[in-house]
């Protein structure tokens, strides 16, 4: 690893400690992540609301490297994820050099 990667990884680990670690499980593998729960709703023309994304999770991309085939951001889409006693489906995944961000929705949609 480069000095920058070491520095950035340490920063993410510290962010987990400050913001709060949440254990998430994907395909039987458990990881530390940052859980940003929110619900975004869209009003339907016929009345009522439909949910968009239920939550967003950010985790260290390197943590998943040995458990999933590359590209990880494509491999995990569609899988279920459990966090804080709730189950979600991974709708979208984006990855940079250090982190993997997952947009999660209700698994029954």
C-alpha atoms as a PDB file:
ATOM      1  CA  UNK A   1       0.000   0.000   0.000  1.00  0.00           C
ATOM      2  CA  UNK A   2       1.061   3.559  -0.580  1.00  0.00           C
ATOM      3  CA  UNK A   3       1.464   6.104   2.203  1.00  0.00           C
ATOM      4  CA  UNK A   4      -1.679   7.868   0.967  1.00  0.00           C
ATOM      5  CA  UNK A   5      -3.716   4.636   1.020  1.00  0.00           C
ATOM      6  CA  UNK A   6      -2.495   3.900   4.548  1.00  0.00           C
ATOM      7  CA  UNK A   7      -3.445   7.424   5.642  1.00  0.00           C
ATOM      8  CA  UNK A   8      -6.889   7.274   4.015  1.00  0.00           C
ATOM      9  CA  UNK A   9      -7.613   3.808   5.411  1.00  0.00           C
ATOM     10  CA  UNK A  10      -6.698   4.970   8.902  1.00  0.00           C
ATOM     11  CA  UNK A  11      -9.001   7.967   8.408  1.00  0.00           C
ATOM     12  CA  UNK A  12     -11.906   5.728   7.444  1.00  0.00           C
ATOM     13  CA  UNK A  13     -11.283   3.504  10.486  1.00  0.00           C
ATOM     14  CA  UNK A  14     -11.360   6.603  12.696  1.00  0.00           C
ATOM     15  CA  UNK A  15     -14.568   7.746  11.004  1.00  0.00           C
ATOM     16  CA  UNK A  16     -16.153   4.403  11.885  1.00  0.00           C
ATOM     17  CA  UNK A  17     -15.261   5.045  15.519  1.00  0.00           C
ATOM     18  CA  UNK A  18     -16.583   8.627  15.526  1.00  0.00           C
ATOM     19  CA  UNK A  19     -19.739   8.171  13.437  1.00  0.00           C
ATOM     20  CA  UNK A  20     -20.505   4.704  14.732  1.00  0.00           C
ATOM     21  CA  UNK A  21     -19.841   1.201  13.505  1.00  0.00           C
ATOM     22  CA  UNK A  22     -22.710  -0.945  12.335  1.00  0.00           C
ATOM     23  CA  UNK A  23     -22.219  -4.587  11.506  1.00  0.00           C
ATOM     24  CA  UNK A  24     -23.687  -5.541   8.149  1.00  0.00           C
ATOM     25  CA  UNK A  25     -23.955  -9.022   6.678  1.00  0.00           C
ATOM     26  CA  UNK A  26     -23.800  -9.820   2.961  1.00  0.00           C
ATOM     27  CA  UNK A  27     -23.960 -13.462   1.821  1.00  0.00           C
ATOM     28  CA  UNK A  28     -22.950 -14.723   5.252  1.00  0.00           C
ATOM     29  CA  UNK A  29     -19.939 -12.383   5.587  1.00  0.00           C
ATOM     30  CA  UNK A  30     -19.994  -9.680   8.293  1.00  0.00           C
ATOM     31  CA  UNK A  31     -18.341  -6.271   7.869  1.00  0.00           C
ATOM     32  CA  UNK A  32     -18.052  -2.984   9.775  1.00  0.00           C
ATOM     33  CA  UNK A  33     -19.835  -0.138   8.002  1.00  0.00           C
ATOM     34  CA  UNK A  34     -21.359   3.288   8.438  1.00  0.00           C
ATOM     35  CA  UNK A  35     -25.147   3.123   8.159  1.00  0.00           C
ATOM     36  CA  UNK A  36     -26.970   6.246   7.037  1.00  0.00           C
ATOM     37  CA  UNK A  37     -30.637   5.413   7.395  1.00  0.00           C
ATOM     38  CA  UNK A  38     -33.142   7.527   5.597  1.00  0.00           C
ATOM     39  CA  UNK A  39     -36.355   7.109   3.702  1.00  0.00           C
ATOM     40  CA  UNK A  40     -37.130   9.033   0.575  1.00  0.00           C
ATOM     41  CA  UNK A  41     -40.691   8.816  -0.659  1.00  0.00           C
ATOM     42  CA  UNK A  42     -42.333   9.791  -3.916  1.00  0.00           C
ATOM     43  CA  UNK A  43     -46.032  10.587  -4.155  1.00  0.00           C
ATOM     44  CA  UNK A  44     -48.033   8.457  -6.582  1.00  0.00           C
ATOM     45  CA  UNK A  45     -50.566   9.951  -9.008  1.00  0.00           C
ATOM     46  CA  UNK A  46     -53.261   7.649  -7.601  1.00  0.00           C
ATOM     47  CA  UNK A  47     -52.474   8.651  -4.021  1.00  0.00           C
ATOM     48  CA  UNK A  48     -50.169   7.240  -1.406  1.00  0.00           C
ATOM     49  CA  UNK A  49     -46.414   7.060  -1.387  1.00  0.00           C
ATOM     50  CA  UNK A  50     -43.761   4.711  -2.677  1.00  0.00           C
ATOM     51  CA  UNK A  51     -40.332   4.452  -1.078  1.00  0.00           C
ATOM     52  CA  UNK A  52     -37.141   5.105  -2.990  1.00  0.00           C
ATOM     53  CA  UNK A  53     -34.042   4.050  -1.029  1.00  0.00           C
ATOM     54  CA  UNK A  54     -34.360   2.896   2.540  1.00  0.00           C
ATOM     55  CA  UNK A  55     -30.720   3.304   3.583  1.00  0.00           C
ATOM     56  CA  UNK A  56     -27.158   3.869   2.443  1.00  0.00           C
ATOM     57  CA  UNK A  57     -24.138   1.954   3.760  1.00  0.00           C
ATOM     58  CA  UNK A  58     -20.454   2.842   3.353  1.00  0.00           C
ATOM     59  CA  UNK A  59     -17.675   0.357   4.052  1.00  0.00           C
ATOM     60  CA  UNK A  60     -14.023  -0.279   3.269  1.00  0.00           C
ATOM     61  CA  UNK A  61     -13.859  -1.856  -0.211  1.00  0.00           C
ATOM     62  CA  UNK A  62     -10.778  -3.898   0.739  1.00  0.00           C
ATOM     63  CA  UNK A  63     -12.815  -5.756   3.384  1.00  0.00           C
ATOM     64  CA  UNK A  64     -14.904  -7.419   0.661  1.00  0.00           C
ATOM     65  CA  UNK A  65     -12.048  -8.223  -1.731  1.00  0.00           C
ATOM     66  CA  UNK A  66     -11.487 -11.789  -0.547  1.00  0.00           C
ATOM     67  CA  UNK A  67     -15.184 -12.642  -0.344  1.00  0.00           C
ATOM     68  CA  UNK A  68     -16.496 -11.483  -3.743  1.00  0.00           C
ATOM     69  CA  UNK A  69     -15.182 -11.587  -7.285  1.00  0.00           C
ATOM     70  CA  UNK A  70     -14.178  -8.387  -9.043  1.00  0.00           C
ATOM     71  CA  UNK A  71     -15.665  -6.000  -9.890  1.00  0.00           C
ATOM     72  CA  UNK A  72     -17.157  -5.942  -6.404  1.00  0.00           C
ATOM     73  CA  UNK A  73     -19.488  -3.024  -7.135  1.00  0.00           C
ATOM     74  CA  UNK A  74     -21.152  -5.120  -9.869  1.00  0.00           C
ATOM     75  CA  UNK A  75     -21.062  -8.441  -7.987  1.00  0.00           C
ATOM     76  CA  UNK A  76     -22.987  -7.297  -4.888  1.00  0.00           C
ATOM     77  CA  UNK A  77     -25.903  -5.597  -6.684  1.00  0.00           C
ATOM     78  CA  UNK A  78     -29.071  -7.611  -6.130  1.00  0.00           C
ATOM     79  CA  UNK A  79     -27.775  -9.404  -3.029  1.00  0.00           C
ATOM     80  CA  UNK A  80     -29.456  -9.021   0.341  1.00  0.00           C
ATOM     81  CA  UNK A  81     -27.801  -7.171   3.205  1.00  0.00           C
ATOM     82  CA  UNK A  82     -28.755  -7.271   6.874  1.00  0.00           C
ATOM     83  CA  UNK A  83     -28.076  -4.269   9.106  1.00  0.00           C
ATOM     84  CA  UNK A  84     -29.557  -3.240  12.439  1.00  0.00           C
ATOM     85  CA  UNK A  85     -31.961  -6.221  12.391  1.00  0.00           C
ATOM     86  CA  UNK A  86     -33.422  -5.194   9.018  1.00  0.00           C
ATOM     87  CA  UNK A  87     -32.964  -6.827   5.635  1.00  0.00           C
ATOM     88  CA  UNK A  88     -32.412  -4.803   2.470  1.00  0.00           C
ATOM     89  CA  UNK A  89     -31.638  -5.508  -1.172  1.00  0.00           C
ATOM     90  CA  UNK A  90     -28.579  -3.822  -2.670  1.00  0.00           C
ATOM     91  CA  UNK A  91     -29.961  -1.660  -5.467  1.00  0.00           C
ATOM     92  CA  UNK A  92     -26.832   0.261  -6.441  1.00  0.00           C
ATOM     93  CA  UNK A  93     -23.138   0.108  -5.587  1.00  0.00           C
ATOM     94  CA  UNK A  94     -20.416   2.672  -6.226  1.00  0.00           C
ATOM     95  CA  UNK A  95     -16.766   2.193  -5.399  1.00  0.00           C
ATOM     96  CA  UNK A  96     -13.710   4.396  -5.253  1.00  0.00           C
ATOM     97  CA  UNK A  97     -10.151   3.490  -4.302  1.00  0.00           C
ATOM     98  CA  UNK A  98     -11.047   2.914  -0.631  1.00  0.00           C
ATOM     99  CA  UNK A  99     -14.784   2.714  -0.026  1.00  0.00           C
ATOM    100  CA  UNK A 100     -17.843   0.899  -1.290  1.00  0.00           C
ATOM    101  CA  UNK A 101     -21.146   2.749  -0.979  1.00  0.00           C
ATOM    102  CA  UNK A 102     -24.362   0.731  -1.233  1.00  0.00           C
ATOM    103  CA  UNK A 103     -27.853   2.101  -1.827  1.00  0.00           C
ATOM    104  CA  UNK A 104     -30.333  -0.236  -0.152  1.00  0.00           C
ATOM    105  CA  UNK A 105     -34.045  -0.772  -0.706  1.00  0.00           C
ATOM    106  CA  UNK A 106     -36.821  -2.922   0.627  1.00  0.00           C
ATOM    107  CA  UNK A 107     -36.072  -6.505  -0.492  1.00  0.00           C
ATOM    108  CA  UNK A 108     -39.670  -7.015  -1.651  1.00  0.00           C
ATOM    109  CA  UNK A 109     -39.609  -4.330  -4.327  1.00  0.00           C
END
